[in-house]
Structure formats: C-alpha cells, structure tokens
Amino acid sequence: MSLRSNRVGEQMKKELSEIIGRKIKDPRIGFVTVTDVEVSGDLQIAKVYISVLGNEEQRENTLKGLSKAKGFIRSEIGKRIRLRKTPEIQFEFDESIDYGNRIETLINELNVQDRHED
C-alpha cells in the first residue's frame, strides 16, 4: 500500500465514522465502529472494516443497511475528500475484534482452571 492510499484510507475512516454515525437514518444500522479502511494502490477500491455491537442478526442487518446506503455514503465521501474518482466501497466485518475477544475468554478460562487446581 502506498503512502497516498494510506492517507486516503485514514481520511476516509474519519469521514465514514462521521457519515455513518450522523447522516444515515436507516433503523437497521446499529452501533457501528469503523475500525480500518484499506484503499487499493490505484485508489479504486476501499475496504471498510467495521465492528457492530449486537448479535449475528443485528450485524447482518447493519451490513444490509450499509450496503443499501453505499451510493449515498460514496457521494458524501466525494464531497468531503478531493479525489478524481471516489473509491468503490466494500464493507466487511473486522473479525480481529471477535478473534481477540475469543482469545481473552480462553485465557480467562485457563486462569480460572489454574486457580481451582491449586
């Protein structure tokens, strides 16, 4: 990834958080955190990693709502960031947070077992 695509990604992350949090009124969209944005070197595609509070159904509904709002989100990004062409947006769940939580749970379980064996 180039320095420019990194900078565009950081700028998009900031703007997307603002747009999703304040501008979109879709009831399907829950509490969303934009965790990262990876922009391709040619600035054509932006992978937006999100984490969503809630169960699997709420997560899926949020993804559907965001997909439906993609056009609006992209045009808002276009207004806020000066680029020749606004990148195509792809939303994906940030699995690293779930993975980290799972590891933390396993470690806690091991610690509890250790205490009981003493």
Protein backbone atom coordinates (compact mmCIF):
# COMPACT_ATOMS: atom_id res chain seq x y z
CA MET A 1 0.00 0.00 0.00
CA SER A 2 1.33 3.41 -0.95
CA LEU A 3 1.66 6.39 1.36
CA ARG A 4 -1.10 8.15 -0.60
CA SER A 5 -3.56 5.26 -0.30
CA ASN A 6 -2.75 5.10 3.43
CA ARG A 7 -3.53 8.80 3.82
CA VAL A 8 -6.75 8.47 1.82
CA GLY A 9 -7.72 5.46 3.97
CA GLU A 10 -7.16 7.38 7.21
CA GLN A 11 -9.16 10.34 5.92
CA MET A 12 -11.97 8.04 4.77
CA LYS A 13 -12.04 6.29 8.15
CA LYS A 14 -12.58 9.63 9.88
CA GLU A 15 -15.26 10.78 7.43
CA LEU A 16 -17.06 7.42 7.34
CA SER A 17 -17.37 7.38 11.12
CA GLU A 18 -18.99 10.79 10.94
CA ILE A 19 -21.28 9.91 8.00
CA ILE A 20 -22.45 6.57 9.41
CA GLY A 21 -22.91 7.97 12.90
CA ARG A 22 -24.76 11.15 11.99
CA LYS A 23 -26.12 11.15 8.44
CA ILE A 24 -27.67 7.71 7.90
CA LYS A 25 -31.09 7.20 9.43
CA ASP A 26 -31.64 3.54 8.49
CA PRO A 27 -33.14 1.72 11.53
CA ARG A 28 -31.34 -1.49 10.53
CA ILE A 29 -27.97 0.08 11.17
CA GLY A 30 -26.89 -0.47 14.76
CA PHE A 31 -23.93 0.91 16.66
CA VAL A 32 -21.09 0.77 14.12
CA THR A 33 -17.40 1.42 14.64
CA VAL A 34 -15.20 1.87 11.57
CA THR A 35 -12.04 0.06 12.65
CA ASP A 36 -9.96 0.39 9.48
CA VAL A 37 -10.08 1.39 5.82
CA GLU A 38 -7.74 -0.19 3.29
CA VAL A 39 -7.57 1.65 -0.01
CA SER A 40 -6.09 -0.08 -3.05
CA GLY A 41 -2.94 1.43 -4.55
CA ASP A 42 -4.88 2.78 -7.55
CA LEU A 43 -7.46 4.35 -5.16
CA GLN A 44 -10.29 2.45 -6.91
CA ILE A 45 -11.47 0.26 -4.01
CA ALA A 46 -11.83 0.96 -0.30
CA LYS A 47 -12.36 -1.99 2.04
CA VAL A 48 -14.09 -0.63 5.11
CA TYR A 49 -13.72 -2.82 8.20
CA ILE A 50 -16.47 -2.39 10.76
CA SER A 51 -17.43 -3.80 14.11
CA VAL A 52 -21.06 -3.83 15.17
CA LEU A 53 -22.49 -4.14 18.65
CA GLY A 54 -25.11 -6.88 18.87
CA ASN A 55 -25.93 -10.41 17.86
CA GLU A 56 -25.47 -12.06 14.46
CA GLU A 57 -28.86 -10.87 13.16
CA GLN A 58 -28.14 -7.25 14.15
CA ARG A 59 -24.73 -7.47 12.48
CA GLU A 60 -26.25 -8.82 9.25
CA ASN A 61 -28.99 -6.16 9.26
CA THR A 62 -26.38 -3.45 9.74
CA LEU A 63 -24.40 -4.78 6.79
CA LYS A 64 -27.57 -4.80 4.64
CA GLY A 65 -28.40 -1.23 5.67
CA LEU A 66 -24.87 -0.03 4.91
CA SER A 67 -24.90 -1.78 1.53
CA LYS A 68 -28.18 -0.08 0.68
CA ALA A 69 -26.68 3.31 1.66
CA LYS A 70 -23.43 2.77 -0.28
CA GLY A 71 -24.32 5.26 -3.02
CA PHE A 72 -25.16 7.98 -0.52
CA ILE A 73 -22.05 7.23 1.56
CA ARG A 74 -19.84 7.32 -1.53
CA SER A 75 -21.27 10.66 -2.68
CA GLU A 76 -20.75 12.11 0.83
CA ILE A 77 -17.13 10.91 0.77
CA GLY A 78 -16.77 12.51 -2.68
CA LYS A 79 -17.91 15.87 -1.28
CA ARG A 80 -15.57 15.69 1.72
CA ILE A 81 -12.40 14.30 0.15
CA ARG A 82 -10.99 15.79 -3.02
CA LEU A 83 -10.19 12.87 -5.31
CA ARG A 84 -10.52 12.49 -9.07
CA LYS A 85 -12.64 9.37 -8.53
CA THR A 86 -14.19 8.29 -5.23
CA PRO A 87 -13.23 4.69 -4.40
CA GLU A 88 -15.80 1.89 -4.60
CA ILE A 89 -16.73 0.97 -1.00
CA GLN A 90 -16.84 -2.61 0.30
CA PHE A 91 -17.98 -3.22 3.87
CA GLU A 92 -16.54 -6.16 5.81
CA PHE A 93 -16.71 -7.22 9.44
CA ASP A 94 -13.49 -6.76 11.37
CA GLU A 95 -13.02 -10.31 12.58
CA SER A 96 -9.89 -9.38 14.56
CA ILE A 97 -12.01 -7.93 17.39
CA ASP A 98 -14.05 -11.14 17.72
CA TYR A 99 -10.84 -13.14 17.50
CA GLY A 100 -9.25 -11.04 20.24
CA ASN A 101 -12.31 -11.42 22.46
CA ARG A 102 -12.28 -15.19 21.93
CA ILE A 103 -8.60 -15.40 22.91
CA GLU A 104 -9.26 -13.29 26.01
CA THR A 105 -12.13 -15.60 27.02
CA LEU A 106 -9.93 -18.68 26.58
CA ILE A 107 -7.13 -17.13 28.66
CA ASN A 108 -9.59 -16.23 31.43
CA GLU A 109 -10.96 -19.80 31.42
CA LEU A 110 -7.42 -21.18 31.72
CA ASN A 111 -6.68 -18.83 34.63
CA VAL A 112 -9.83 -19.97 36.43
CA GLN A 113 -8.85 -23.63 35.91
CA ASP A 114 -5.35 -22.93 37.25
CA ARG A 115 -6.77 -21.36 40.42
CA HIS A 116 -9.04 -24.35 41.03
CA GLU A 117 -6.15 -26.79 40.66
CA ASP A 118 -4.01 -25.03 43.31
